[in-house]
Amino acid sequence: MQSTAVSKRNILAAVIGNALEWYDFLVFAFMTPIVAKLFFPSNPNDPSDDLNRILMTTAVFGVGFFMRPVGGILLGLYGDRKGRKAAMVMVTGIMAVAIALITFAPTYQGVGIWAPIFIVLARLLQGFAAGGEFGTSTALLIELAPKGKRGFYGSWQMTGQMAALLIGAAVGTLITDFFTQEQLMSWAWRIPFAVGLLIVPVAIYIRRHVEEPETFVKMQAAQKAGTVKQVGVLEMLRTHARETLVGMGLVVTATVSIYITFTYLVTYSTVTLKLPLHDTFMVQMAGAALMVVLMPFMGAWSDRVGRRPLMIGSLLGYLLVLYPLYAWLTDGPTIAKLMTVQVVVCLFVSVFFGVFSTVMAELFPANVRSVGMSMAYNIAVMVFGGFAQFIVTWLIKTTGSTMSPAFYVMFGVTLGLIAAFFIRERAHEDHLDDDMV
């Protein structure tokens, strides 16, 4: 039996590593207004039109998502066969290369077309690595959980992501406080990426000392004995098609929440609503901090009352408040209004995110858990998240409606709500992996 101390150490390793992966992934989204000016040409007909650069930057942001399903499949299979630890170390190493490429990339003014090429290559590597992160680290967290605590343990997956968002927003706020606009455009924009690069050796060291969960060790023994077989991607899709579709529906809600309600908020607030960059970062930090505090409590609550009631209730509330909140915000936007909207949204999203990862893991047995979650997660993220910012920016430019982000999020939440009604309640099942094929 693993000791409590060892389990806590392993959870910490998974959360720290996951936060690093998402820190770098989300920092790129936060820095979109600056990256757009440095790495992409302006509109030749109107050099002051930043929307042209924003469109190209958000398109490059989306390019990385095409690699997510590839990374999810390959790293997910690797995690199911070689171990959660081995897969997580590999993910961190690939992300390190991507971070280095962005940190030291030359700008468009210096090397012309090669500048966006460097960014595209880095985004492809980021997408491949991020594709393998969710499935392997979530599997680790759930398989480490003691009896009756899967919800609490699983909640740390999304808590890690929100912690990454919080740190990214904090770094963004600090550099806008300490550096002038000229310094930011010259060199200070690289600091957030360099911070991630410096943390990489620590993250790799921690992950190399993670112990495999007993569930995975037993599964490997059963595979060697021939009582449990290794399952490929096509076989997994054939035997777990319903679970994959349900998972994809839930991921759509998570995706539009992360990439529109949170990360796109910086671009939306500064470019469309014309609010100050520094104050927008402060709103980001407040929302993320609130969720980091609330999500573990929501996960623990689901261990008592079940996953379905919390998930369905939170999504209903989320859907109902979006339109009136954004209509109020866009009718005379202020930082105070933006803060109110973000706090209310975060209350509902924290309940959903608190149980989301656990529900995803409970959909699949151990021998296909990493690849099953990775498939459901990354296909949905690629389709609905990869170009979400591009689509919303295009809709704002084409229609002139500042309500476009709200409509896109409402669409995603509706799909997640439908999927939530098909969840099988497993909160009180002690033997989660008796159904391995």
Protein backbone atom coordinates (compact mmCIF):
# COMPACT_ATOMS: atom_id res chain seq x y z
CA MET A 1 0.00 0.00 0.00
CA GLN A 2 1.22 3.47 -0.81
CA SER A 3 1.62 5.70 2.19
CA THR A 4 -0.32 8.92 2.53
CA ALA A 5 2.91 10.91 2.27
CA VAL A 6 3.88 9.21 -0.99
CA SER A 7 0.41 9.76 -2.44
CA LYS A 8 0.51 13.46 -1.58
CA ARG A 9 3.95 13.79 -3.11
CA ASN A 10 2.76 12.17 -6.33
CA ILE A 11 -0.30 14.41 -6.48
CA LEU A 12 1.91 17.46 -6.01
CA ALA A 13 4.14 16.26 -8.85
CA ALA A 14 1.18 15.83 -11.18
CA VAL A 15 -0.30 19.23 -10.30
CA ILE A 16 3.01 21.12 -10.61
CA GLY A 17 3.82 19.53 -13.94
CA ASN A 18 0.33 20.11 -15.28
CA ALA A 19 0.43 23.75 -14.17
CA LEU A 20 3.72 24.22 -16.04
CA GLU A 21 2.32 22.74 -19.25
CA TRP A 22 -0.72 24.99 -19.13
CA TYR A 23 1.19 28.05 -17.94
CA ASP A 24 3.14 28.17 -21.17
CA PHE A 25 0.15 27.21 -23.29
CA LEU A 26 -2.01 29.95 -21.77
CA VAL A 27 0.70 32.63 -21.60
CA PHE A 28 0.71 32.63 -25.39
CA ALA A 29 -3.00 33.45 -25.31
CA PHE A 30 -2.47 36.20 -22.74
CA MET A 31 0.32 37.74 -24.80
CA THR A 32 -1.65 37.74 -28.05
CA PRO A 33 -1.89 41.57 -28.35
CA ILE A 34 1.91 41.90 -28.04
CA VAL A 35 2.88 38.79 -30.04
CA ALA A 36 0.55 39.97 -32.83
CA LYS A 37 2.48 43.21 -33.28
CA LEU A 38 5.93 41.63 -33.08
CA PHE A 39 5.56 38.53 -35.25
CA PHE A 40 2.93 39.36 -37.88
CA PRO A 41 2.55 42.07 -40.53
CA SER A 42 -0.12 44.75 -40.20
CA ASN A 43 -3.01 45.39 -42.55
CA PRO A 44 -1.36 47.17 -45.54
CA ASN A 45 -4.52 49.24 -46.08
CA ASP A 46 -4.68 50.32 -42.44
CA PRO A 47 -1.46 49.85 -40.41
CA SER A 48 -3.27 50.90 -37.23
CA ASP A 49 -5.81 48.05 -37.56
CA ASP A 50 -4.67 45.53 -34.94
CA LEU A 51 -7.52 43.11 -35.69
CA ASN A 52 -5.64 41.87 -38.78
CA ARG A 53 -2.64 40.90 -36.64
CA ILE A 54 -4.89 39.47 -33.92
CA LEU A 55 -6.62 37.27 -36.49
CA MET A 56 -3.29 35.86 -37.71
CA THR A 57 -2.01 35.32 -34.17
CA THR A 58 -5.16 33.54 -33.02
CA ALA A 59 -5.00 31.41 -36.18
CA VAL A 60 -1.46 30.35 -35.22
CA PHE A 61 -2.72 29.69 -31.69
CA GLY A 62 -5.26 27.35 -33.29
CA VAL A 63 -2.67 25.56 -35.45
CA GLY A 64 -1.21 23.90 -32.37
CA PHE A 65 -4.53 22.25 -31.69
CA PHE A 66 -4.24 20.10 -34.82
CA MET A 67 -1.36 18.31 -33.10
CA ARG A 68 -3.29 17.68 -29.90
CA PRO A 69 -5.16 14.56 -31.08
CA VAL A 70 -1.88 13.16 -32.45
CA GLY A 71 -0.12 13.80 -29.15
CA GLY A 72 -3.15 12.52 -27.25
CA ILE A 73 -3.21 9.21 -29.12
CA LEU A 74 0.54 8.53 -29.10
CA LEU A 75 1.26 9.77 -25.57
CA GLY A 76 -2.00 8.29 -24.28
CA LEU A 77 -1.11 4.84 -25.62
CA TYR A 78 2.39 5.29 -24.21
CA GLY A 79 0.94 6.14 -20.81
CA ASP A 80 -1.37 3.11 -20.83
CA ARG A 81 1.47 0.75 -21.77
CA LYS A 82 4.69 2.18 -20.32
CA GLY A 83 3.30 4.07 -17.36
CA ARG A 84 1.84 7.41 -16.32
CA LYS A 85 5.26 8.53 -15.05
CA ALA A 86 7.10 7.84 -18.31
CA ALA A 87 4.47 9.68 -20.35
CA MET A 88 4.45 12.73 -18.07
CA VAL A 89 8.26 13.07 -18.20
CA MET A 90 8.16 12.89 -22.00
CA VAL A 91 5.39 15.51 -22.16
CA THR A 92 7.42 17.93 -20.04
CA GLY A 93 10.53 17.45 -22.17
CA ILE A 94 8.69 18.21 -25.40
CA MET A 95 7.09 21.28 -23.86
CA ALA A 96 10.56 22.49 -22.81
CA VAL A 97 11.66 22.61 -26.46
CA ALA A 98 8.53 24.55 -27.42
CA ILE A 99 9.06 27.07 -24.62
CA ALA A 100 12.67 27.62 -25.68
CA LEU A 101 11.66 28.27 -29.29
CA ILE A 102 9.23 31.01 -28.29
CA THR A 103 11.54 32.52 -25.66
CA PHE A 104 14.37 33.07 -28.14
CA ALA A 105 12.35 33.57 -31.35
CA PRO A 106 13.42 36.54 -33.55
CA THR A 107 10.68 39.05 -34.45
CA TYR A 108 9.17 39.89 -37.85
CA GLN A 109 11.18 43.09 -38.05
CA GLY A 110 14.39 41.10 -37.72
CA VAL A 111 13.89 38.02 -39.92
CA GLY A 112 10.63 38.62 -41.79
CA ILE A 113 8.59 35.54 -42.64
CA TRP A 114 10.83 33.29 -40.53
CA ALA A 115 9.42 34.88 -37.37
CA PRO A 116 5.89 33.43 -37.71
CA ILE A 117 7.43 30.12 -38.85
CA PHE A 118 9.28 29.84 -35.54
CA ILE A 119 6.03 30.52 -33.69
CA VAL A 120 4.11 27.94 -35.73
CA LEU A 121 6.75 25.27 -35.02
CA ALA A 122 6.64 26.05 -31.31
CA ARG A 123 2.84 25.90 -31.30
CA LEU A 124 2.89 22.51 -33.03
CA LEU A 125 5.20 21.11 -30.34
CA GLN A 126 3.09 22.71 -27.61
CA GLY A 127 -0.02 21.13 -29.05
CA PHE A 128 1.58 17.68 -29.27
CA ALA A 129 2.77 17.84 -25.65
CA ALA A 130 -0.46 19.30 -24.27
CA GLY A 131 -2.36 16.54 -26.07
CA GLY A 132 -0.78 13.94 -23.82
CA GLU A 133 -0.97 15.89 -20.57
CA PHE A 134 -4.62 15.65 -19.58
CA GLY A 135 -5.05 11.89 -20.01
CA THR A 136 -1.87 10.80 -18.24
CA SER A 137 -1.92 13.20 -15.29
CA THR A 138 -5.65 12.76 -14.68
CA ALA A 139 -5.28 8.98 -14.76
CA LEU A 140 -2.50 9.28 -12.19
CA LEU A 141 -4.57 11.47 -9.86
CA ILE A 142 -7.67 9.24 -9.99
CA GLU A 143 -5.71 6.00 -9.57
CA LEU A 144 -3.93 7.39 -6.52
CA ALA A 145 -7.18 8.35 -4.80
CA PRO A 146 -8.17 6.53 -1.59
CA LYS A 147 -11.65 5.09 -1.21
CA GLY A 148 -14.30 7.77 -1.34
CA LYS A 149 -11.93 10.57 -2.40
CA ARG A 150 -11.72 10.33 -6.18
CA GLY A 151 -13.65 13.58 -6.60
CA PHE A 152 -11.29 15.46 -4.33
CA TYR A 153 -8.16 14.03 -5.91
CA GLY A 154 -9.42 14.53 -9.46
CA SER A 155 -10.30 18.16 -8.75
CA TRP A 156 -6.59 18.97 -8.56
CA GLN A 157 -6.28 18.47 -12.32
CA MET A 158 -8.33 21.57 -13.15
CA THR A 159 -7.00 23.32 -10.05
CA GLY A 160 -3.55 22.95 -11.62
CA GLN A 161 -4.81 24.48 -14.85
CA MET A 162 -6.39 27.40 -13.01
CA ALA A 163 -3.21 27.84 -10.97
CA ALA A 164 -1.34 28.10 -14.28
CA LEU A 165 -3.79 30.72 -15.46
CA LEU A 166 -3.38 32.60 -12.18
CA ILE A 167 0.42 32.55 -12.41
CA GLY A 168 0.32 33.57 -16.07
CA ALA A 169 -1.98 36.50 -15.30
CA ALA A 170 0.20 37.48 -12.33
CA VAL A 171 3.35 37.51 -14.47
CA GLY A 172 1.50 39.51 -17.13
CA THR A 173 0.39 42.03 -14.52
CA LEU A 174 3.89 42.38 -13.07
CA ILE A 175 5.59 43.01 -16.39
CA THR A 176 3.00 45.63 -17.35
CA ASP A 177 3.62 47.29 -13.96
CA PHE A 178 7.40 47.28 -14.07
CA PHE A 179 8.13 47.89 -17.74
CA THR A 180 7.21 50.61 -20.20
CA GLN A 181 5.39 49.83 -23.44
CA GLU A 182 8.67 50.31 -25.34
CA GLN A 183 10.45 47.81 -23.07
CA LEU A 184 7.61 45.31 -23.43
CA MET A 185 7.74 45.49 -27.21
CA SER A 186 11.55 45.34 -27.22
CA TRP A 187 12.39 42.45 -24.86
CA ALA A 188 10.25 42.25 -21.69
CA TRP A 189 7.53 40.24 -23.45
CA ARG A 190 9.93 37.27 -23.35
CA ILE A 191 9.99 37.18 -19.53
CA PRO A 192 6.78 35.11 -19.02
CA PHE A 193 8.10 32.44 -21.38
CA ALA A 194 11.56 32.49 -19.81
CA VAL A 195 10.01 31.91 -16.37
CA GLY A 196 8.41 28.73 -17.68
CA LEU A 197 11.71 27.64 -19.21
CA LEU A 198 13.51 28.05 -15.87
CA ILE A 199 10.94 25.86 -14.10
CA VAL A 200 11.28 22.99 -16.59
CA PRO A 201 14.30 21.23 -14.92
CA VAL A 202 12.47 21.25 -11.57
CA ALA A 203 9.31 19.84 -13.14
CA ILE A 204 11.21 17.05 -14.91
CA TYR A 205 13.03 16.15 -11.70
CA ILE A 206 9.77 15.97 -9.73
CA ARG A 207 8.03 13.88 -12.36
CA ARG A 208 10.93 11.45 -12.65
CA HIS A 209 10.36 10.62 -8.97
CA VAL A 210 6.63 9.93 -9.28
CA GLU A 211 5.61 6.40 -8.28
CA GLU A 212 3.18 4.51 -10.49
CA PRO A 213 -0.31 3.98 -8.98
CA GLU A 214 -1.09 0.48 -7.68
CA THR A 215 -3.96 0.29 -10.16
CA PHE A 216 -1.56 0.63 -13.08
CA VAL A 217 0.94 -1.85 -11.59
CA LYS A 218 -1.83 -4.43 -11.13
CA MET A 219 -3.08 -3.79 -14.65
CA GLN A 220 0.38 -4.44 -16.09
CA ALA A 221 0.58 -7.69 -14.13
CA ALA A 222 -2.85 -8.71 -15.42
CA GLN A 223 -1.77 -7.95 -18.99
CA LYS A 224 1.30 -10.12 -18.59
CA ALA A 225 -0.87 -12.89 -17.18
CA GLY A 226 -3.24 -12.58 -20.12
CA THR A 227 -6.33 -11.72 -18.07
CA VAL A 228 -6.43 -8.13 -19.36
CA LYS A 229 -5.51 -7.27 -22.93
CA GLN A 230 -3.82 -4.23 -24.39
CA VAL A 231 -6.31 -2.21 -26.40
CA GLY A 232 -5.55 -0.05 -29.43
CA VAL A 233 -7.28 3.15 -30.48
CA LEU A 234 -9.80 1.59 -32.86
CA GLU A 235 -10.73 -1.10 -30.35
CA MET A 236 -11.13 1.53 -27.65
CA LEU A 237 -13.44 3.56 -29.87
CA ARG A 238 -15.48 0.46 -30.72
CA THR A 239 -15.95 -0.67 -27.14
CA HIS A 240 -16.22 2.78 -25.53
CA ALA A 241 -17.92 4.87 -28.21
CA ARG A 242 -20.67 6.11 -25.87
CA GLU A 243 -18.18 7.14 -23.19
CA THR A 244 -16.04 8.93 -25.76
CA LEU A 245 -18.99 10.95 -27.07
CA VAL A 246 -20.15 11.87 -23.56
CA GLY A 247 -16.60 12.91 -22.71
CA MET A 248 -16.36 15.05 -25.84
CA GLY A 249 -19.57 16.87 -24.93
CA LEU A 250 -18.23 17.72 -21.48
CA VAL A 251 -14.90 18.81 -22.91
CA VAL A 252 -16.61 21.28 -25.24
CA THR A 253 -17.92 23.16 -22.20
CA ALA A 254 -14.53 23.05 -20.50
CA THR A 255 -12.84 24.22 -23.69
CA VAL A 256 -15.01 27.23 -24.41
CA SER A 257 -14.73 28.21 -20.74
CA ILE A 258 -10.92 28.09 -20.72
CA TYR A 259 -10.26 29.61 -24.12
CA ILE A 260 -13.03 32.22 -24.30
CA THR A 261 -14.28 33.04 -20.80
CA PHE A 262 -10.74 33.10 -19.37
CA THR A 263 -7.82 33.33 -21.80
CA TYR A 264 -9.53 35.35 -24.55
CA LEU A 265 -10.76 37.78 -21.91
CA VAL A 266 -7.51 39.77 -22.14
CA THR A 267 -7.76 40.28 -25.90
CA TYR A 268 -11.53 40.83 -25.84
CA SER A 269 -11.40 43.37 -23.02
CA THR A 270 -8.47 45.40 -24.39
CA VAL A 271 -9.15 45.29 -28.15
CA THR A 272 -12.97 45.18 -28.27
CA LEU A 273 -14.12 46.72 -25.00
CA LYS A 274 -11.14 49.14 -24.84
CA LEU A 275 -10.42 48.42 -21.15
CA PRO A 276 -6.92 48.82 -19.61
CA LEU A 277 -4.58 45.84 -19.99
CA HIS A 278 -3.31 45.98 -16.40
CA ASP A 279 -6.80 46.04 -14.90
CA THR A 280 -7.89 43.19 -17.15
CA PHE A 281 -5.03 41.06 -15.84
CA MET A 282 -6.17 41.84 -12.30
CA VAL A 283 -9.67 40.58 -13.15
CA GLN A 284 -8.11 37.43 -14.58
CA MET A 285 -6.16 36.87 -11.39
CA ALA A 286 -9.20 37.38 -9.16
CA GLY A 287 -11.30 34.90 -11.13
CA ALA A 288 -8.58 32.28 -11.29
CA ALA A 289 -7.77 32.65 -7.57
CA LEU A 290 -11.43 32.17 -6.67
CA MET A 291 -11.59 28.96 -8.70
CA VAL A 292 -8.33 27.58 -7.29
CA VAL A 293 -9.85 27.95 -3.82
CA LEU A 294 -13.29 26.56 -4.66
CA MET A 295 -12.59 23.59 -6.95
CA PRO A 296 -11.10 21.16 -4.39
CA PHE A 297 -14.14 21.75 -2.17
CA MET A 298 -16.44 21.04 -5.13
CA GLY A 299 -14.57 17.82 -5.86
CA ALA A 300 -14.86 16.71 -2.23
CA TRP A 301 -18.56 17.64 -2.24
CA SER A 302 -19.11 15.38 -5.26
CA ASP A 303 -17.72 12.45 -3.24
CA ARG A 304 -20.68 12.95 -0.89
CA VAL A 305 -23.59 13.89 -3.17
CA GLY A 306 -22.45 12.47 -6.51
CA ARG A 307 -21.08 13.96 -9.73
CA ARG A 308 -24.31 14.27 -11.79
CA PRO A 309 -26.26 16.67 -9.54
CA LEU A 310 -23.35 19.10 -9.29
CA MET A 311 -22.50 18.93 -12.97
CA ILE A 312 -26.06 19.33 -14.26
CA GLY A 313 -26.91 22.06 -11.75
CA SER A 314 -23.78 24.09 -12.45
CA LEU A 315 -24.21 23.92 -16.22
CA LEU A 316 -27.85 25.00 -16.02
CA GLY A 317 -26.90 28.00 -13.91
CA TYR A 318 -23.94 28.79 -16.17
CA LEU A 319 -26.13 28.76 -19.27
CA LEU A 320 -28.83 30.96 -17.73
CA VAL A 321 -26.52 33.77 -16.54
CA LEU A 322 -24.29 34.17 -19.60
CA TYR A 323 -26.52 36.27 -21.83
CA PRO A 324 -27.71 38.79 -19.24
CA LEU A 325 -24.21 39.18 -17.81
CA TYR A 326 -22.55 39.89 -21.17
CA ALA A 327 -25.41 42.15 -22.29
CA TRP A 328 -24.91 44.20 -19.13
CA LEU A 329 -21.12 44.25 -19.60
CA THR A 330 -21.15 45.39 -23.22
CA ASP A 331 -23.66 48.16 -22.46
CA GLY A 332 -21.06 50.57 -21.14
CA PRO A 333 -18.09 48.33 -20.22
CA THR A 334 -16.10 49.10 -17.07
CA ILE A 335 -13.56 47.15 -15.03
CA ALA A 336 -16.08 46.91 -12.17
CA LYS A 337 -18.62 45.30 -14.49
CA LEU A 338 -15.97 42.96 -15.90
CA MET A 339 -15.01 41.88 -12.39
CA THR A 340 -18.65 41.18 -11.47
CA VAL A 341 -19.21 39.13 -14.61
CA GLN A 342 -16.04 37.11 -14.06
CA VAL A 343 -16.80 36.34 -10.41
CA VAL A 344 -20.35 35.16 -11.14
CA VAL A 345 -19.18 32.99 -14.04
CA CYS A 346 -16.37 31.55 -11.91
CA LEU A 347 -18.82 30.44 -9.22
CA PHE A 348 -20.65 28.18 -11.68
CA VAL A 349 -17.54 27.07 -13.58
CA SER A 350 -15.74 26.10 -10.35
CA VAL A 351 -18.49 23.58 -9.56
CA PHE A 352 -18.29 22.11 -13.06
CA PHE A 353 -14.49 22.03 -13.15
CA GLY A 354 -14.35 20.58 -9.64
CA VAL A 355 -15.95 17.34 -10.87
CA PHE A 356 -15.05 17.42 -14.58
CA SER A 357 -11.73 15.54 -14.49
CA THR A 358 -13.03 12.84 -12.16
CA VAL A 359 -16.06 12.23 -14.37
CA MET A 360 -13.80 11.97 -17.41
CA ALA A 361 -11.56 9.40 -15.70
CA GLU A 362 -14.54 7.39 -14.43
CA LEU A 363 -15.80 6.99 -18.00
CA PHE A 364 -12.92 4.64 -18.90
CA PRO A 365 -11.24 1.58 -17.31
CA ALA A 366 -7.53 1.65 -16.45
CA ASN A 367 -6.24 -0.13 -19.55
CA VAL A 368 -7.66 2.55 -21.87
CA ARG A 369 -7.96 5.45 -19.43
CA SER A 370 -5.12 7.62 -20.74
CA VAL A 371 -5.87 7.13 -24.43
CA GLY A 372 -9.65 7.24 -23.92
CA MET A 373 -9.56 10.55 -22.09
CA SER A 374 -6.94 11.91 -24.48
CA MET A 375 -9.06 11.07 -27.52
CA ALA A 376 -12.27 12.56 -26.14
CA TYR A 377 -10.46 15.59 -24.74
CA ASN A 378 -8.24 16.52 -27.65
CA ILE A 379 -10.66 15.98 -30.53
CA ALA A 380 -13.21 18.23 -28.82
CA VAL A 381 -10.53 20.79 -27.94
CA MET A 382 -9.24 20.82 -31.52
CA VAL A 383 -12.69 21.34 -33.04
CA PHE A 384 -14.22 23.74 -30.53
CA GLY A 385 -11.21 25.32 -28.83
CA GLY A 386 -8.38 25.55 -31.32
CA PHE A 387 -9.96 28.24 -33.42
CA ALA A 388 -12.40 29.56 -30.82
CA GLN A 389 -10.53 32.82 -30.41
CA PHE A 390 -10.15 33.19 -34.19
CA ILE A 391 -13.87 32.52 -34.75
CA VAL A 392 -15.00 34.94 -32.04
CA THR A 393 -12.63 37.67 -33.25
CA TRP A 394 -13.88 37.14 -36.82
CA LEU A 395 -17.52 37.26 -35.67
CA ILE A 396 -16.90 40.50 -33.79
CA LYS A 397 -15.24 42.05 -36.85
CA THR A 398 -17.84 40.75 -39.33
CA THR A 399 -21.05 41.32 -37.35
CA GLY A 400 -19.92 44.18 -35.17
CA SER A 401 -21.56 42.42 -32.20
CA THR A 402 -19.59 42.50 -28.96
CA MET A 403 -21.88 39.71 -27.69
CA SER A 404 -20.16 37.11 -29.92
CA PRO A 405 -18.12 35.54 -27.07
CA ALA A 406 -21.29 34.97 -25.01
CA PHE A 407 -23.07 33.23 -27.89
CA TYR A 408 -20.12 30.92 -28.54
CA VAL A 409 -19.83 29.97 -24.86
CA MET A 410 -23.59 29.38 -24.59
CA PHE A 411 -23.37 26.97 -27.52
CA GLY A 412 -20.57 25.02 -25.83
CA VAL A 413 -22.31 24.92 -22.46
CA THR A 414 -25.47 23.56 -24.11
CA LEU A 415 -23.53 20.61 -25.57
CA GLY A 416 -21.96 19.89 -22.18
CA LEU A 417 -25.34 20.01 -20.45
CA ILE A 418 -26.78 17.47 -22.89
CA ALA A 419 -23.79 15.17 -22.28
CA ALA A 420 -24.15 15.53 -18.50
CA PHE A 421 -27.53 13.81 -18.58
CA PHE A 422 -25.84 10.67 -19.98
CA ILE A 423 -23.21 10.40 -17.24
CA ARG A 424 -23.24 7.17 -15.28
CA GLU A 425 -23.01 7.99 -11.58
CA ARG A 426 -19.92 6.25 -10.18
CA ALA A 427 -19.08 8.40 -7.17
CA HIS A 428 -19.88 5.63 -4.70
CA GLU A 429 -18.40 2.70 -6.62
CA ASP A 430 -15.35 1.35 -4.80
CA HIS A 431 -14.04 -0.89 -7.60
CA LEU A 432 -13.75 1.47 -10.54
CA ASP A 433 -11.64 -0.81 -12.74
CA ASP A 434 -13.54 -4.09 -12.56
CA ASP A 435 -14.74 -3.48 -16.13
CA MET A 436 -11.34 -3.63 -17.86
CA VAL A 437 -11.57 -5.37 -21.20
